[in-house]
Amino acid sequence: MATSQLKAEQAVRSFVARVKPETRELALDTPLYADGVGLDSLETAELSAVLEDELGTDPFTSDAMPQTLGDILTFYGTVAAEA
């Protein structure tokens, strides 16, 4: 796994642990919204800002809104491959 993917994973897991401490397991395919983690729009914007600060870009400004942790990691894998 690329360094940017590891940093992104750590940032997302840390963020979710802080804002949704009741979340027990965050698997790669766990939905970030609704029946999954349950992030609302403000929390999603905050996560976007955290990833932007940590990694210089974020998947929430790309063409497709990430739905899972796996989607976020795929975004950073693609960004790293293009760099």
C-alpha atoms as a PDB file:
ATOM      1  CA  MET A   1       0.000   0.000   0.000  1.00  0.00           C
ATOM      2  CA  ALA A   2       1.332   3.430  -0.939  1.00  0.00           C
ATOM      3  CA  THR A   3       2.380   5.860   1.769  1.00  0.00           C
ATOM      4  CA  SER A   4      -0.458   8.250   0.895  1.00  0.00           C
ATOM      5  CA  GLN A   5      -2.949   5.402   1.273  1.00  0.00           C
ATOM      6  CA  LEU A   6      -1.563   4.533   4.715  1.00  0.00           C
ATOM      7  CA  LYS A   7      -1.740   8.168   5.811  1.00  0.00           C
ATOM      8  CA  ALA A   8      -5.286   8.438   4.472  1.00  0.00           C
ATOM      9  CA  GLU A   9      -6.360   5.266   6.248  1.00  0.00           C
ATOM     10  CA  GLN A  10      -4.883   6.471   9.541  1.00  0.00           C
ATOM     11  CA  ALA A  11      -6.509   9.895   9.138  1.00  0.00           C
ATOM     12  CA  VAL A  12      -9.950   8.426   8.352  1.00  0.00           C
ATOM     13  CA  ARG A  13      -9.794   5.879  11.177  1.00  0.00           C
ATOM     14  CA  SER A  14      -8.671   8.544  13.659  1.00  0.00           C
ATOM     15  CA  PHE A  15     -11.401  10.925  12.502  1.00  0.00           C
ATOM     16  CA  VAL A  16     -14.139   8.296  12.738  1.00  0.00           C
ATOM     17  CA  ALA A  17     -12.927   7.232  16.195  1.00  0.00           C
ATOM     18  CA  ARG A  18     -13.181  10.861  17.324  1.00  0.00           C
ATOM     19  CA  VAL A  19     -16.574  11.806  15.835  1.00  0.00           C
ATOM     20  CA  LYS A  20     -18.308   8.416  15.962  1.00  0.00           C
ATOM     21  CA  PRO A  21     -16.747   6.586  18.931  1.00  0.00           C
ATOM     22  CA  GLU A  22     -19.602   4.073  18.901  1.00  0.00           C
ATOM     23  CA  THR A  23     -18.363   2.748  15.528  1.00  0.00           C
ATOM     24  CA  ARG A  24     -16.856  -0.627  16.311  1.00  0.00           C
ATOM     25  CA  GLU A  25     -15.437  -1.795  13.010  1.00  0.00           C
ATOM     26  CA  LEU A  26     -14.437   0.266  10.003  1.00  0.00           C
ATOM     27  CA  ALA A  27     -13.847  -2.238   7.227  1.00  0.00           C
ATOM     28  CA  LEU A  28     -12.873  -1.164   3.724  1.00  0.00           C
ATOM     29  CA  ASP A  29     -16.456  -1.708   2.551  1.00  0.00           C
ATOM     30  CA  THR A  30     -18.274  -0.109   5.502  1.00  0.00           C
ATOM     31  CA  PRO A  31     -20.500   2.706   4.180  1.00  0.00           C
ATOM     32  CA  LEU A  32     -19.417   6.109   5.471  1.00  0.00           C
ATOM     33  CA  TYR A  33     -22.996   7.426   5.559  1.00  0.00           C
ATOM     34  CA  ALA A  34     -26.499   6.340   6.633  1.00  0.00           C
ATOM     35  CA  ASP A  35     -26.524   2.714   7.798  1.00  0.00           C
ATOM     36  CA  GLY A  36     -22.740   2.517   8.018  1.00  0.00           C
ATOM     37  CA  VAL A  37     -20.637   4.976  10.019  1.00  0.00           C
ATOM     38  CA  GLY A  38     -23.399   7.572   9.797  1.00  0.00           C
ATOM     39  CA  LEU A  39     -21.386  10.659   8.836  1.00  0.00           C
ATOM     40  CA  ASP A  40     -23.558  13.712   8.211  1.00  0.00           C
ATOM     41  CA  SER A  41     -22.741  16.521   5.776  1.00  0.00           C
ATOM     42  CA  LEU A  42     -20.816  18.597   8.331  1.00  0.00           C
ATOM     43  CA  GLU A  43     -18.718  15.601   9.413  1.00  0.00           C
ATOM     44  CA  THR A  44     -18.062  14.765   5.757  1.00  0.00           C
ATOM     45  CA  ALA A  45     -16.859  18.320   5.143  1.00  0.00           C
ATOM     46  CA  GLU A  46     -14.618  18.076   8.202  1.00  0.00           C
ATOM     47  CA  LEU A  47     -13.184  14.753   6.996  1.00  0.00           C
ATOM     48  CA  SER A  48     -12.544  16.336   3.608  1.00  0.00           C
ATOM     49  CA  ALA A  49     -10.623  19.181   5.317  1.00  0.00           C
ATOM     50  CA  VAL A  50      -8.618  16.721   7.432  1.00  0.00           C
ATOM     51  CA  LEU A  51      -7.568  14.746   4.344  1.00  0.00           C
ATOM     52  CA  GLU A  52      -6.742  17.955   2.452  1.00  0.00           C
ATOM     53  CA  ASP A  53      -4.568  19.148   5.358  1.00  0.00           C
ATOM     54  CA  GLU A  54      -2.829  15.779   5.768  1.00  0.00           C
ATOM     55  CA  LEU A  55      -2.363  14.821   2.116  1.00  0.00           C
ATOM     56  CA  GLY A  56      -2.763  17.971   0.030  1.00  0.00           C
ATOM     57  CA  THR A  57      -5.860  16.717  -1.802  1.00  0.00           C
ATOM     58  CA  ASP A  58      -9.081  14.954  -0.969  1.00  0.00           C
ATOM     59  CA  PRO A  59     -11.406  12.543  -2.752  1.00  0.00           C
ATOM     60  CA  PHE A  60     -14.517  14.571  -1.920  1.00  0.00           C
ATOM     61  CA  THR A  61     -13.625  17.127  -4.611  1.00  0.00           C
ATOM     62  CA  SER A  62     -13.198  14.469  -7.302  1.00  0.00           C
ATOM     63  CA  ASP A  63     -15.825  13.345  -9.809  1.00  0.00           C
ATOM     64  CA  ALA A  64     -17.283  10.600  -7.610  1.00  0.00           C
ATOM     65  CA  MET A  65     -18.127  10.992  -3.932  1.00  0.00           C
ATOM     66  CA  PRO A  66     -16.413   8.205  -1.959  1.00  0.00           C
ATOM     67  CA  GLN A  67     -18.857   5.894  -0.234  1.00  0.00           C
ATOM     68  CA  THR A  68     -16.423   3.720   1.750  1.00  0.00           C
ATOM     69  CA  LEU A  69     -12.936   3.751   3.244  1.00  0.00           C
ATOM     70  CA  GLY A  70     -11.943   1.557   0.304  1.00  0.00           C
ATOM     71  CA  ASP A  71     -13.066   4.281  -2.129  1.00  0.00           C
ATOM     72  CA  ILE A  72     -10.889   6.815  -0.304  1.00  0.00           C
ATOM     73  CA  LEU A  73      -7.865   4.507  -0.417  1.00  0.00           C
ATOM     74  CA  THR A  74      -8.436   3.822  -4.115  1.00  0.00           C
ATOM     75  CA  PHE A  75      -8.459   7.588  -4.743  1.00  0.00           C
ATOM     76  CA  TYR A  76      -5.092   8.020  -3.021  1.00  0.00           C
ATOM     77  CA  GLY A  77      -3.676   4.984  -4.828  1.00  0.00           C
ATOM     78  CA  THR A  78      -4.648   6.592  -8.121  1.00  0.00           C
ATOM     79  CA  VAL A  79      -3.252   9.997  -7.111  1.00  0.00           C
ATOM     80  CA  ALA A  80       0.043   8.371  -6.081  1.00  0.00           C
ATOM     81  CA  ALA A  81       0.227   6.429  -9.355  1.00  0.00           C
ATOM     82  CA  GLU A  82      -0.313   9.630 -11.370  1.00  0.00           C
ATOM     83  CA  ALA A  83       2.376  11.575  -9.470  1.00  0.00           C
END
